[in-house]
């Protein structure tokens, strides 16, 4: 692993810790329940995708929560800047991660196929 990759991973892990802290300090209580699954930064660390857990939210709730998070994005970025003393914080993009649900659906399909083949 190169030094640049190590720095990138370090930034991602710091953001994964800081973003839930920042969200918990917002006034909207609905946002306090959101779980951050993973943070992926671009190579230059100018952008970061924040993957959120969609398991307890309906599609309508997800949409309204994303709107609230996008409104609160500057506050969250400012929190990260002040906490770490960075010159610049990555621009955050919030996304509900549906990969876990897709993996569960695939597992269920494999189980059905196994039952039918017996």
PDB file of N, CA and C in Angstrom:
ATOM      1  N   UNK A   1       0.840  -1.172   0.000  1.00  0.00           N
ATOM      2  CA  UNK A   1       0.000   0.000   0.000  1.00  0.00           C
ATOM      3  C   UNK A   1       0.893   1.246   0.000  1.00  0.00           C
ATOM      4  N   UNK A   2       0.611   2.161  -0.891  1.00  0.00           N
ATOM      5  CA  UNK A   2       1.431   3.360  -1.012  1.00  0.00           C
ATOM      6  C   UNK A   2       1.077   4.371   0.088  1.00  0.00           C
ATOM      7  N   UNK A   3       1.972   5.305   0.357  1.00  0.00           N
ATOM      8  CA  UNK A   3       1.665   6.332   1.366  1.00  0.00           C
ATOM      9  C   UNK A   3       0.401   7.142   1.039  1.00  0.00           C
ATOM     10  N   UNK A   4       0.157   7.401  -0.240  1.00  0.00           N
ATOM     11  CA  UNK A   4      -1.050   8.141  -0.635  1.00  0.00           C
ATOM     12  C   UNK A   4      -2.310   7.343  -0.303  1.00  0.00           C
ATOM     13  N   UNK A   5      -2.257   6.024  -0.529  1.00  0.00           N
ATOM     14  CA  UNK A   5      -3.406   5.177  -0.205  1.00  0.00           C
ATOM     15  C   UNK A   5      -3.633   5.117   1.298  1.00  0.00           C
ATOM     16  N   UNK A   6      -2.550   5.108   2.060  1.00  0.00           N
ATOM     17  CA  UNK A   6      -2.664   5.086   3.517  1.00  0.00           C
ATOM     18  C   UNK A   6      -3.315   6.373   4.012  1.00  0.00           C
ATOM     19  N   UNK A   7      -2.912   7.507   3.467  1.00  0.00           N
ATOM     20  CA  UNK A   7      -3.506   8.793   3.846  1.00  0.00           C
ATOM     21  C   UNK A   7      -4.987   8.836   3.495  1.00  0.00           C
ATOM     22  N   UNK A   8      -5.312   8.287   2.322  1.00  0.00           N
ATOM     23  CA  UNK A   8      -6.708   8.259   1.892  1.00  0.00           C
ATOM     24  C   UNK A   8      -7.550   7.419   2.851  1.00  0.00           C
ATOM     25  N   UNK A   9      -7.056   6.243   3.215  1.00  0.00           N
ATOM     26  CA  UNK A   9      -7.773   5.371   4.158  1.00  0.00           C
ATOM     27  C   UNK A   9      -7.920   6.039   5.523  1.00  0.00           C
ATOM     28  N   UNK A  10      -6.883   6.737   5.946  1.00  0.00           N
ATOM     29  CA  UNK A  10      -6.922   7.429   7.234  1.00  0.00           C
ATOM     30  C   UNK A  10      -7.996   8.512   7.215  1.00  0.00           C
ATOM     31  N   UNK A  11      -8.062   9.260   6.120  1.00  0.00           N
ATOM     32  CA  UNK A  11      -9.081  10.307   5.983  1.00  0.00           C
ATOM     33  C   UNK A  11     -10.474   9.700   5.981  1.00  0.00           C
ATOM     34  N   UNK A  12     -10.647   8.588   5.264  1.00  0.00           N
ATOM     35  CA  UNK A  12     -11.948   7.921   5.222  1.00  0.00           C
ATOM     36  C   UNK A  12     -12.381   7.458   6.605  1.00  0.00           C
ATOM     37  N   UNK A  13     -11.459   6.879   7.352  1.00  0.00           N
ATOM     38  CA  UNK A  13     -11.821   6.390   8.690  1.00  0.00           C
ATOM     39  C   UNK A  13     -12.111   7.546   9.642  1.00  0.00           C
ATOM     40  N   UNK A  14     -11.366   8.651   9.512  1.00  0.00           N
ATOM     41  CA  UNK A  14     -11.657   9.831  10.339  1.00  0.00           C
ATOM     42  C   UNK A  14     -13.039  10.387  10.031  1.00  0.00           C
ATOM     43  N   UNK A  15     -13.356  10.493   8.749  1.00  0.00           N
ATOM     44  CA  UNK A  15     -14.674  10.991   8.368  1.00  0.00           C
ATOM     45  C   UNK A  15     -15.785  10.055   8.840  1.00  0.00           C
ATOM     46  N   UNK A  16     -15.540   8.743   8.800  1.00  0.00           N
ATOM     47  CA  UNK A  16     -16.542   7.778   9.260  1.00  0.00           C
ATOM     48  C   UNK A  16     -16.833   7.947  10.750  1.00  0.00           C
ATOM     49  N   UNK A  17     -15.876   8.461  11.507  1.00  0.00           N
ATOM     50  CA  UNK A  17     -16.099   8.732  12.932  1.00  0.00           C
ATOM     51  C   UNK A  17     -16.701  10.118  13.153  1.00  0.00           C
ATOM     52  N   UNK A  18     -16.233  11.109  12.401  1.00  0.00           N
ATOM     53  CA  UNK A  18     -16.655  12.489  12.618  1.00  0.00           C
ATOM     54  C   UNK A  18     -18.075  12.777  12.140  1.00  0.00           C
ATOM     55  N   UNK A  19     -18.469  12.179  11.028  1.00  0.00           N
ATOM     56  CA  UNK A  19     -19.784  12.488  10.453  1.00  0.00           C
ATOM     57  C   UNK A  19     -20.920  12.094  11.401  1.00  0.00           C
ATOM     58  N   UNK A  20     -20.919  10.887  12.006  1.00  0.00           N
ATOM     59  CA  UNK A  20     -21.992  10.586  12.970  1.00  0.00           C
ATOM     60  C   UNK A  20     -21.991  11.539  14.177  1.00  0.00           C
ATOM     61  N   UNK A  21     -20.802  11.956  14.621  1.00  0.00           N
ATOM     62  CA  UNK A  21     -20.733  12.929  15.717  1.00  0.00           C
ATOM     63  C   UNK A  21     -21.385  14.241  15.305  1.00  0.00           C
ATOM     64  N   UNK A  22     -21.072  14.702  14.105  1.00  0.00           N
ATOM     65  CA  UNK A  22     -21.634  15.957  13.613  1.00  0.00           C
ATOM     66  C   UNK A  22     -23.148  15.852  13.451  1.00  0.00           C
ATOM     67  N   UNK A  23     -23.615  14.724  12.926  1.00  0.00           N
ATOM     68  CA  UNK A  23     -25.056  14.526  12.729  1.00  0.00           C
ATOM     69  C   UNK A  23     -25.772  14.504  14.080  1.00  0.00           C
ATOM     70  N   UNK A  24     -25.144  13.905  15.085  1.00  0.00           N
ATOM     71  CA  UNK A  24     -25.790  13.821  16.396  1.00  0.00           C
ATOM     72  C   UNK A  24     -25.939  15.193  17.052  1.00  0.00           C
ATOM     73  N   UNK A  25     -25.181  16.181  16.613  1.00  0.00           N
ATOM     74  CA  UNK A  25     -25.269  17.514  17.191  1.00  0.00           C
ATOM     75  C   UNK A  25     -26.265  18.421  16.467  1.00  0.00           C
ATOM     76  N   UNK A  26     -26.867  17.916  15.392  1.00  0.00           N
ATOM     77  CA  UNK A  26     -27.870  18.694  14.669  1.00  0.00           C
ATOM     78  C   UNK A  26     -29.182  18.703  15.446  1.00  0.00           C
ATOM     79  N   UNK A  27     -30.028  19.679  15.157  1.00  0.00           N
ATOM     80  CA  UNK A  27     -31.291  19.840  15.887  1.00  0.00           C
ATOM     81  C   UNK A  27     -32.361  18.833  15.476  1.00  0.00           C
ATOM     82  N   UNK A  28     -32.265  18.278  14.278  1.00  0.00           N
ATOM     83  CA  UNK A  28     -33.280  17.351  13.771  1.00  0.00           C
ATOM     84  C   UNK A  28     -33.071  15.962  14.367  1.00  0.00           C
ATOM     85  N   UNK A  29     -34.001  15.540  15.214  1.00  0.00           N
ATOM     86  CA  UNK A  29     -33.861  14.258  15.913  1.00  0.00           C
ATOM     87  C   UNK A  29     -33.949  13.063  14.960  1.00  0.00           C
ATOM     88  N   UNK A  30     -34.627  13.224  13.822  1.00  0.00           N
ATOM     89  CA  UNK A  30     -34.725  12.113  12.862  1.00  0.00           C
ATOM     90  C   UNK A  30     -33.352  11.728  12.316  1.00  0.00           C
ATOM     91  N   UNK A  31     -32.485  12.709  12.188  1.00  0.00           N
ATOM     92  CA  UNK A  31     -31.153  12.448  11.641  1.00  0.00           C
ATOM     93  C   UNK A  31     -30.245  11.715  12.626  1.00  0.00           C
ATOM     94  N   UNK A  32     -30.555  11.783  13.901  1.00  0.00           N
ATOM     95  CA  UNK A  32     -29.702  11.159  14.913  1.00  0.00           C
ATOM     96  C   UNK A  32     -29.673   9.642  14.792  1.00  0.00           C
ATOM     97  N   UNK A  33     -30.704   9.056  14.199  1.00  0.00           N
ATOM     98  CA  UNK A  33     -30.796   7.599  14.089  1.00  0.00           C
ATOM     99  C   UNK A  33     -30.041   7.026  12.889  1.00  0.00           C
ATOM    100  N   UNK A  34     -29.561   7.872  12.007  1.00  0.00           N
ATOM    101  CA  UNK A  34     -28.913   7.413  10.781  1.00  0.00           C
ATOM    102  C   UNK A  34     -27.563   6.782  11.096  1.00  0.00           C
ATOM    103  N   UNK A  35     -27.316   5.618  10.492  1.00  0.00           N
ATOM    104  CA  UNK A  35     -26.037   4.920  10.659  1.00  0.00           C
ATOM    105  C   UNK A  35     -25.182   5.115   9.414  1.00  0.00           C
ATOM    106  N   UNK A  36     -23.946   5.527   9.629  1.00  0.00           N
ATOM    107  CA  UNK A  36     -22.987   5.661   8.534  1.00  0.00           C
ATOM    108  C   UNK A  36     -22.277   4.322   8.372  1.00  0.00           C
ATOM    109  N   UNK A  37     -22.406   3.717   7.195  1.00  0.00           N
ATOM    110  CA  UNK A  37     -21.786   2.424   6.943  1.00  0.00           C
ATOM    111  C   UNK A  37     -20.336   2.570   6.500  1.00  0.00           C
ATOM    112  N   UNK A  38     -20.114   3.523   5.595  1.00  0.00           N
ATOM    113  CA  UNK A  38     -18.782   3.638   5.002  1.00  0.00           C
ATOM    114  C   UNK A  38     -18.627   5.021   4.372  1.00  0.00           C
ATOM    115  N   UNK A  39     -17.387   5.472   4.291  1.00  0.00           N
ATOM    116  CA  UNK A  39     -17.064   6.722   3.612  1.00  0.00           C
ATOM    117  C   UNK A  39     -15.982   6.412   2.585  1.00  0.00           C
ATOM    118  N   UNK A  40     -16.199   6.833   1.352  1.00  0.00           N
ATOM    119  CA  UNK A  40     -15.227   6.642   0.276  1.00  0.00           C
ATOM    120  C   UNK A  40     -14.840   7.999  -0.293  1.00  0.00           C
ATOM    121  N   UNK A  41     -13.571   8.319  -0.205  1.00  0.00           N
ATOM    122  CA  UNK A  41     -13.059   9.600  -0.730  1.00  0.00           C
ATOM    123  C   UNK A  41     -12.513   9.404  -2.140  1.00  0.00           C
ATOM    124  N   UNK A  42     -12.573  10.486  -2.918  1.00  0.00           N
ATOM    125  CA  UNK A  42     -11.934  10.460  -4.231  1.00  0.00           C
ATOM    126  C   UNK A  42     -10.427  10.547  -4.026  1.00  0.00           C
ATOM    127  N   UNK A  43      -9.671  10.330  -5.079  1.00  0.00           N
ATOM    128  CA  UNK A  43      -8.206  10.317  -4.964  1.00  0.00           C
ATOM    129  C   UNK A  43      -7.643  11.608  -4.393  1.00  0.00           C
ATOM    130  N   UNK A  44      -8.152  12.721  -4.852  1.00  0.00           N
ATOM    131  CA  UNK A  44      -7.651  14.004  -4.386  1.00  0.00           C
ATOM    132  C   UNK A  44      -8.272  14.462  -3.075  1.00  0.00           C
ATOM    133  N   UNK A  45      -9.142  13.662  -2.509  1.00  0.00           N
ATOM    134  CA  UNK A  45      -9.863  13.937  -1.270  1.00  0.00           C
ATOM    135  C   UNK A  45     -10.707  15.216  -1.360  1.00  0.00           C
ATOM    136  N   UNK A  46     -11.138  15.554  -2.571  1.00  0.00           N
ATOM    137  CA  UNK A  46     -11.991  16.726  -2.725  1.00  0.00           C
ATOM    138  C   UNK A  46     -13.467  16.371  -2.574  1.00  0.00           C
ATOM    139  N   UNK A  47     -13.803  15.108  -2.825  1.00  0.00           N
ATOM    140  CA  UNK A  47     -15.176  14.624  -2.697  1.00  0.00           C
ATOM    141  C   UNK A  47     -15.184  13.350  -1.870  1.00  0.00           C
ATOM    142  N   UNK A  48     -16.292  13.133  -1.159  1.00  0.00           N
ATOM    143  CA  UNK A  48     -16.444  11.901  -0.387  1.00  0.00           C
ATOM    144  C   UNK A  48     -17.902  11.454  -0.453  1.00  0.00           C
ATOM    145  N   UNK A  49     -18.094  10.172  -0.688  1.00  0.00           N
ATOM    146  CA  UNK A  49     -19.432   9.593  -0.668  1.00  0.00           C
ATOM    147  C   UNK A  49     -19.638   8.944   0.694  1.00  0.00           C
ATOM    148  N   UNK A  50     -20.732   9.308   1.327  1.00  0.00           N
ATOM    149  CA  UNK A  50     -21.062   8.787   2.648  1.00  0.00           C
ATOM    150  C   UNK A  50     -22.210   7.804   2.467  1.00  0.00           C
ATOM    151  N   UNK A  51     -21.938   6.525   2.705  1.00  0.00           N
ATOM    152  CA  UNK A  51     -22.943   5.480   2.528  1.00  0.00           C
ATOM    153  C   UNK A  51     -23.690   5.274   3.841  1.00  0.00           C
ATOM    154  N   UNK A  52     -25.022   5.321   3.761  1.00  0.00           N
ATOM    155  CA  UNK A  52     -25.882   5.239   4.928  1.00  0.00           C
ATOM    156  C   UNK A  52     -26.687   3.948   4.904  1.00  0.00           C
ATOM    157  N   UNK A  53     -27.082   3.486   6.082  1.00  0.00           N
ATOM    158  CA  UNK A  53     -27.857   2.255   6.223  1.00  0.00           C
ATOM    159  C   UNK A  53     -29.339   2.536   5.956  1.00  0.00           C
ATOM    160  N   UNK A  54     -29.930   1.907   4.911  1.00  0.00           N
ATOM    161  CA  UNK A  54     -31.328   2.174   4.572  1.00  0.00           C
ATOM    162  C   UNK A  54     -32.322   1.214   5.220  1.00  0.00           C
ATOM    163  N   UNK A  55     -31.870   0.295   6.061  1.00  0.00           N
ATOM    164  CA  UNK A  55     -32.688  -0.834   6.496  1.00  0.00           C
ATOM    165  C   UNK A  55     -33.984  -0.450   7.212  1.00  0.00           C
ATOM    166  N   UNK A  56     -34.027   0.637   7.956  1.00  0.00           N
ATOM    167  CA  UNK A  56     -35.235   0.946   8.726  1.00  0.00           C
ATOM    168  C   UNK A  56     -36.071   2.063   8.104  1.00  0.00           C
ATOM    169  N   UNK A  57     -35.728   2.482   6.897  1.00  0.00           N
ATOM    170  CA  UNK A  57     -36.415   3.613   6.276  1.00  0.00           C
ATOM    171  C   UNK A  57     -37.126   3.205   4.993  1.00  0.00           C
ATOM    172  N   UNK A  58     -38.306   3.767   4.798  1.00  0.00           N
ATOM    173  CA  UNK A  58     -39.027   3.577   3.545  1.00  0.00           C
ATOM    174  C   UNK A  58     -38.396   4.491   2.489  1.00  0.00           C
ATOM    175  N   UNK A  59     -38.685   4.258   1.216  1.00  0.00           N
ATOM    176  CA  UNK A  59     -38.119   5.133   0.174  1.00  0.00           C
ATOM    177  C   UNK A  59     -38.492   6.613   0.360  1.00  0.00           C
ATOM    178  N   UNK A  60     -39.709   6.887   0.839  1.00  0.00           N
ATOM    179  CA  UNK A  60     -40.106   8.273   1.058  1.00  0.00           C
ATOM    180  C   UNK A  60     -39.292   8.887   2.199  1.00  0.00           C
ATOM    181  N   UNK A  61     -39.091   8.123   3.267  1.00  0.00           N
ATOM    182  CA  UNK A  61     -38.289   8.616   4.393  1.00  0.00           C
ATOM    183  C   UNK A  61     -36.841   8.844   3.964  1.00  0.00           C
ATOM    184  N   UNK A  62     -36.314   7.940   3.146  1.00  0.00           N
ATOM    185  CA  UNK A  62     -34.948   8.087   2.656  1.00  0.00           C
ATOM    186  C   UNK A  62     -34.793   9.387   1.880  1.00  0.00           C
ATOM    187  N   UNK A  63     -35.776   9.670   1.032  1.00  0.00           N
ATOM    188  CA  UNK A  63     -35.713  10.883   0.222  1.00  0.00           C
ATOM    189  C   UNK A  63     -35.736  12.137   1.099  1.00  0.00           C
ATOM    190  N   UNK A  64     -36.620  12.151   2.106  1.00  0.00           N
ATOM    191  CA  UNK A  64     -36.690  13.338   2.969  1.00  0.00           C
ATOM    192  C   UNK A  64     -35.432  13.467   3.828  1.00  0.00           C
ATOM    193  N   UNK A  65     -34.865  12.348   4.278  1.00  0.00           N
ATOM    194  CA  UNK A  65     -33.641  12.400   5.069  1.00  0.00           C
ATOM    195  C   UNK A  65     -32.460  12.891   4.230  1.00  0.00           C
ATOM    196  N   UNK A  66     -32.404  12.471   2.972  1.00  0.00           N
ATOM    197  CA  UNK A  66     -31.340  12.955   2.091  1.00  0.00           C
ATOM    198  C   UNK A  66     -31.441  14.460   1.870  1.00  0.00           C
ATOM    199  N   UNK A  67     -32.676  14.963   1.750  1.00  0.00           N
ATOM    200  CA  UNK A  67     -32.860  16.407   1.600  1.00  0.00           C
ATOM    201  C   UNK A  67     -32.352  17.130   2.850  1.00  0.00           C
ATOM    202  N   UNK A  68     -32.688  16.596   4.027  1.00  0.00           N
ATOM    203  CA  UNK A  68     -32.249  17.214   5.275  1.00  0.00           C
ATOM    204  C   UNK A  68     -30.728  17.170   5.403  1.00  0.00           C
ATOM    205  N   UNK A  69     -30.136  16.033   5.044  1.00  0.00           N
ATOM    206  CA  UNK A  69     -28.683  15.906   5.130  1.00  0.00           C
ATOM    207  C   UNK A  69     -27.981  16.849   4.159  1.00  0.00           C
ATOM    208  N   UNK A  70     -28.541  17.005   2.972  1.00  0.00           N
ATOM    209  CA  UNK A  70     -27.934  17.913   2.003  1.00  0.00           C
ATOM    210  C   UNK A  70     -28.016  19.362   2.470  1.00  0.00           C
ATOM    211  N   UNK A  71     -29.100  19.699   3.175  1.00  0.00           N
ATOM    212  CA  UNK A  71     -29.199  21.042   3.752  1.00  0.00           C
ATOM    213  C   UNK A  71     -28.171  21.225   4.866  1.00  0.00           C
ATOM    214  N   UNK A  72     -27.924  20.149   5.636  1.00  0.00           N
ATOM    215  CA  UNK A  72     -27.011  20.230   6.772  1.00  0.00           C
ATOM    216  C   UNK A  72     -25.555  19.962   6.378  1.00  0.00           C
ATOM    217  N   UNK A  73     -25.313  19.651   5.118  1.00  0.00           N
ATOM    218  CA  UNK A  73     -23.961  19.307   4.665  1.00  0.00           C
ATOM    219  C   UNK A  73     -22.911  20.355   5.023  1.00  0.00           C
ATOM    220  N   UNK A  74     -23.161  21.647   4.810  1.00  0.00           N
ATOM    221  CA  UNK A  74     -22.126  22.637   5.177  1.00  0.00           C
ATOM    222  C   UNK A  74     -21.793  22.622   6.674  1.00  0.00           C
ATOM    223  N   UNK A  75     -22.798  22.387   7.499  1.00  0.00           N
ATOM    224  CA  UNK A  75     -22.566  22.339   8.952  1.00  0.00           C
ATOM    225  C   UNK A  75     -21.717  21.119   9.307  1.00  0.00           C
ATOM    226  N   UNK A  76     -22.001  19.985   8.672  1.00  0.00           N
ATOM    227  CA  UNK A  76     -21.242  18.757   8.931  1.00  0.00           C
ATOM    228  C   UNK A  76     -19.803  18.920   8.462  1.00  0.00           C
ATOM    229  N   UNK A  77     -19.627  19.499   7.292  1.00  0.00           N
ATOM    230  CA  UNK A  77     -18.272  19.725   6.774  1.00  0.00           C
ATOM    231  C   UNK A  77     -17.499  20.688   7.673  1.00  0.00           C
ATOM    232  N   UNK A  78     -18.172  21.716   8.158  1.00  0.00           N
ATOM    233  CA  UNK A  78     -17.531  22.686   9.045  1.00  0.00           C
ATOM    234  C   UNK A  78     -17.109  22.017  10.357  1.00  0.00           C
ATOM    235  N   UNK A  79     -17.945  21.112  10.862  1.00  0.00           N
ATOM    236  CA  UNK A  79     -17.613  20.376  12.083  1.00  0.00           C
ATOM    237  C   UNK A  79     -16.328  19.565  11.876  1.00  0.00           C
ATOM    238  N   UNK A  80     -16.231  18.892  10.737  1.00  0.00           N
ATOM    239  CA  UNK A  80     -15.043  18.088  10.431  1.00  0.00           C
ATOM    240  C   UNK A  80     -13.802  18.973  10.307  1.00  0.00           C
ATOM    241  N   UNK A  81     -13.959  20.122   9.663  1.00  0.00           N
ATOM    242  CA  UNK A  81     -12.842  21.050   9.515  1.00  0.00           C
ATOM    243  C   UNK A  81     -12.323  21.524  10.866  1.00  0.00           C
ATOM    244  N   UNK A  82     -13.230  21.943  11.716  1.00  0.00           N
ATOM    245  CA  UNK A  82     -12.831  22.482  13.018  1.00  0.00           C
ATOM    246  C   UNK A  82     -12.252  21.401  13.915  1.00  0.00           C
ATOM    247  N   UNK A  83     -12.819  20.206  13.862  1.00  0.00           N
ATOM    248  CA  UNK A  83     -12.348  19.130  14.733  1.00  0.00           C
ATOM    249  C   UNK A  83     -10.937  18.686  14.371  1.00  0.00           C
ATOM    250  N   UNK A  84     -10.654  18.582  13.075  1.00  0.00           N
ATOM    251  CA  UNK A  84      -9.352  18.079  12.639  1.00  0.00           C
ATOM    252  C   UNK A  84      -8.352  19.178  12.309  1.00  0.00           C
ATOM    253  N   UNK A  85      -8.817  20.412  12.199  1.00  0.00           N
ATOM    254  CA  UNK A  85      -7.916  21.496  11.849  1.00  0.00           C
ATOM    255  C   UNK A  85      -7.469  21.446  10.396  1.00  0.00           C
ATOM    256  N   UNK A  86      -8.284  20.846   9.556  1.00  0.00           N
ATOM    257  CA  UNK A  86      -7.966  20.741   8.140  1.00  0.00           C
ATOM    258  C   UNK A  86      -8.132  22.099   7.470  1.00  0.00           C
ATOM    259  N   UNK A  87      -7.425  22.264   6.362  1.00  0.00           N
ATOM    260  CA  UNK A  87      -7.586  23.459   5.534  1.00  0.00           C
ATOM    261  C   UNK A  87      -8.849  23.331   4.687  1.00  0.00           C
ATOM    262  N   UNK A  88      -9.111  22.123   4.226  1.00  0.00           N
ATOM    263  CA  UNK A  88     -10.245  21.877   3.340  1.00  0.00           C
ATOM    264  C   UNK A  88     -10.857  20.523   3.686  1.00  0.00           C
ATOM    265  N   UNK A  89     -12.168  20.481   3.689  1.00  0.00           N
ATOM    266  CA  UNK A  89     -12.890  19.230   3.952  1.00  0.00           C
ATOM    267  C   UNK A  89     -13.457  18.724   2.629  1.00  0.00           C
ATOM    268  N   UNK A  90     -13.482  17.410   2.432  1.00  0.00           N
ATOM    269  CA  UNK A  90     -14.102  16.893   1.207  1.00  0.00           C
ATOM    270  C   UNK A  90     -15.576  17.285   1.127  1.00  0.00           C
ATOM    271  N   UNK A  91     -16.057  17.509  -0.075  1.00  0.00           N
ATOM    272  CA  UNK A  91     -17.475  17.790  -0.272  1.00  0.00           C
ATOM    273  C   UNK A  91     -18.226  16.468  -0.108  1.00  0.00           C
ATOM    274  N   UNK A  92     -19.143  16.434   0.830  1.00  0.00           N
ATOM    275  CA  UNK A  92     -19.838  15.196   1.171  1.00  0.00           C
ATOM    276  C   UNK A  92     -21.062  14.989   0.287  1.00  0.00           C
ATOM    277  N   UNK A  93     -21.248  13.750  -0.128  1.00  0.00           N
ATOM    278  CA  UNK A  93     -22.445  13.340  -0.865  1.00  0.00           C
ATOM    279  C   UNK A  93     -23.034  12.146  -0.118  1.00  0.00           C
ATOM    280  N   UNK A  94     -24.284  12.260   0.298  1.00  0.00           N
ATOM    281  CA  UNK A  94     -24.933  11.217   1.097  1.00  0.00           C
ATOM    282  C   UNK A  94     -25.724  10.288   0.186  1.00  0.00           C
ATOM    283  N   UNK A  95     -25.532   8.972   0.412  1.00  0.00           N
ATOM    284  CA  UNK A  95     -26.176   7.960  -0.419  1.00  0.00           C
ATOM    285  C   UNK A  95     -26.640   6.823   0.490  1.00  0.00           C
ATOM    286  N   UNK A  96     -27.872   6.373   0.304  1.00  0.00           N
ATOM    287  CA  UNK A  96     -28.324   5.180   1.026  1.00  0.00           C
ATOM    288  C   UNK A  96     -27.801   3.963   0.276  1.00  0.00           C
ATOM    289  N   UNK A  97     -27.092   3.103   0.979  1.00  0.00           N
ATOM    290  CA  UNK A  97     -26.416   1.948   0.383  1.00  0.00           C
ATOM    291  C   UNK A  97     -27.369   0.758   0.348  1.00  0.00           C
ATOM    292  N   UNK A  98     -27.728   0.332  -0.847  1.00  0.00           N
ATOM    293  CA  UNK A  98     -28.648  -0.799  -0.984  1.00  0.00           C
ATOM    294  C   UNK A  98     -27.927  -2.105  -1.327  1.00  0.00           C
ATOM    295  N   UNK A  99     -26.613  -2.128  -1.239  1.00  0.00           N
ATOM    296  CA  UNK A  99     -25.849  -3.334  -1.568  1.00  0.00           C
ATOM    297  C   UNK A  99     -26.165  -4.486  -0.623  1.00  0.00           C
ATOM    298  N   UNK A 100     -26.367  -4.189   0.661  1.00  0.00           N
ATOM    299  CA  UNK A 100     -26.675  -5.243   1.632  1.00  0.00           C
ATOM    300  C   UNK A 100     -27.999  -5.909   1.287  1.00  0.00           C
ATOM    301  N   UNK A 101     -29.006  -5.108   0.914  1.00  0.00           N
ATOM    302  CA  UNK A 101     -30.309  -5.652   0.531  1.00  0.00           C
ATOM    303  C   UNK A 101     -30.183  -6.503  -0.731  1.00  0.00           C
ATOM    304  N   UNK A 102     -29.390  -6.061  -1.686  1.00  0.00           N
ATOM    305  CA  UNK A 102     -29.180  -6.841  -2.910  1.00  0.00           C
ATOM    306  C   UNK A 102     -28.501  -8.175  -2.599  1.00  0.00           C
ATOM    307  N   UNK A 103     -27.539  -8.152  -1.682  1.00  0.00           N
ATOM    308  CA  UNK A 103     -26.847  -9.387  -1.302  1.00  0.00           C
ATOM    309  C   UNK A 103     -27.816 -10.357  -0.628  1.00  0.00           C
ATOM    310  N   UNK A 104     -28.717  -9.834   0.199  1.00  0.00           N
ATOM    311  CA  UNK A 104     -29.706 -10.695   0.841  1.00  0.00           C
ATOM    312  C   UNK A 104     -30.638 -11.315  -0.198  1.00  0.00           C
ATOM    313  N   UNK A 105     -31.043 -10.538  -1.178  1.00  0.00           N
ATOM    314  CA  UNK A 105     -31.910 -11.059  -2.232  1.00  0.00           C
ATOM    315  C   UNK A 105     -31.208 -12.163  -3.012  1.00  0.00           C
ATOM    316  N   UNK A 106     -29.943 -11.999  -3.288  1.00  0.00           N
ATOM    317  CA  UNK A 106     -29.182 -13.020  -4.010  1.00  0.00           C
ATOM    318  C   UNK A 106     -29.079 -14.289  -3.177  1.00  0.00           C
ATOM    319  N   UNK A 107     -28.835 -14.137  -1.868  1.00  0.00           N
ATOM    320  CA  UNK A 107     -28.762 -15.304  -0.977  1.00  0.00           C
ATOM    321  C   UNK A 107     -30.089 -16.060  -0.967  1.00  0.00           C
ATOM    322  N   UNK A 108     -31.204 -15.325  -0.930  1.00  0.00           N
ATOM    323  CA  UNK A 108     -32.519 -15.965  -0.951  1.00  0.00           C
ATOM    324  C   UNK A 108     -32.733 -16.728  -2.258  1.00  0.00           C
ATOM    325  N   UNK A 109     -32.284 -16.154  -3.360  1.00  0.00           N
ATOM    326  CA  UNK A 109     -32.411 -16.834  -4.648  1.00  0.00           C
ATOM    327  C   UNK A 109     -31.591 -18.126  -4.667  1.00  0.00           C
ATOM    328  N   UNK A 110     -30.388 -18.080  -4.125  1.00  0.00           N
ATOM    329  CA  UNK A 110     -29.561 -19.283  -4.060  1.00  0.00           C
ATOM    330  C   UNK A 110     -30.222 -20.364  -3.203  1.00  0.00           C
ATOM    331  N   UNK A 111     -30.851 -19.970  -2.105  1.00  0.00           N
ATOM    332  CA  UNK A 111     -31.542 -20.934  -1.247  1.00  0.00           C
ATOM    333  C   UNK A 111     -32.723 -21.580  -1.983  1.00  0.00           C
ATOM    334  N   UNK A 112     -33.474 -20.764  -2.747  1.00  0.00           N
ATOM    335  CA  UNK A 112     -34.594 -21.309  -3.523  1.00  0.00           C
ATOM    336  C   UNK A 112     -34.099 -22.290  -4.583  1.00  0.00           C
ATOM    337  N   UNK A 113     -33.009 -21.942  -5.242  1.00  0.00           N
ATOM    338  CA  UNK A 113     -32.448 -22.824  -6.266  1.00  0.00           C
ATOM    339  C   UNK A 113     -31.980 -24.129  -5.652  1.00  0.00           C
ATOM    340  N   UNK A 114     -31.366 -24.046  -4.479  1.00  0.00           N
ATOM    341  CA  UNK A 114     -30.892 -25.258  -3.797  1.00  0.00           C
ATOM    342  C   UNK A 114     -32.058 -26.149  -3.405  1.00  0.00           C
ATOM    343  N   UNK A 115     -33.167 -25.561  -2.948  1.00  0.00           N
ATOM    344  CA  UNK A 115     -34.352 -26.345  -2.584  1.00  0.00           C
ATOM    345  C   UNK A 115     -34.969 -27.020  -3.800  1.00  0.00           C
ATOM    346  N   UNK A 116     -35.032 -26.286  -4.914  1.00  0.00           N
ATOM    347  CA  UNK A 116     -35.643 -26.817  -6.122  1.00  0.00           C
ATOM    348  C   UNK A 116     -34.791 -27.920  -6.752  1.00  0.00           C
ATOM    349  N   UNK A 117     -33.503 -27.855  -6.595  1.00  0.00           N
ATOM    350  CA  UNK A 117     -32.619 -28.866  -7.200  1.00  0.00           C
ATOM    351  C   UNK A 117     -32.633 -30.170  -6.406  1.00  0.00           C
ATOM    352  N   UNK A 118     -33.062 -30.131  -5.165  1.00  0.00           N
ATOM    353  CA  UNK A 118     -33.107 -31.362  -4.354  1.00  0.00           C
ATOM    354  C   UNK A 118     -34.291 -32.162  -4.617  1.00  0.00           C
TER     355      UNK A 118
END
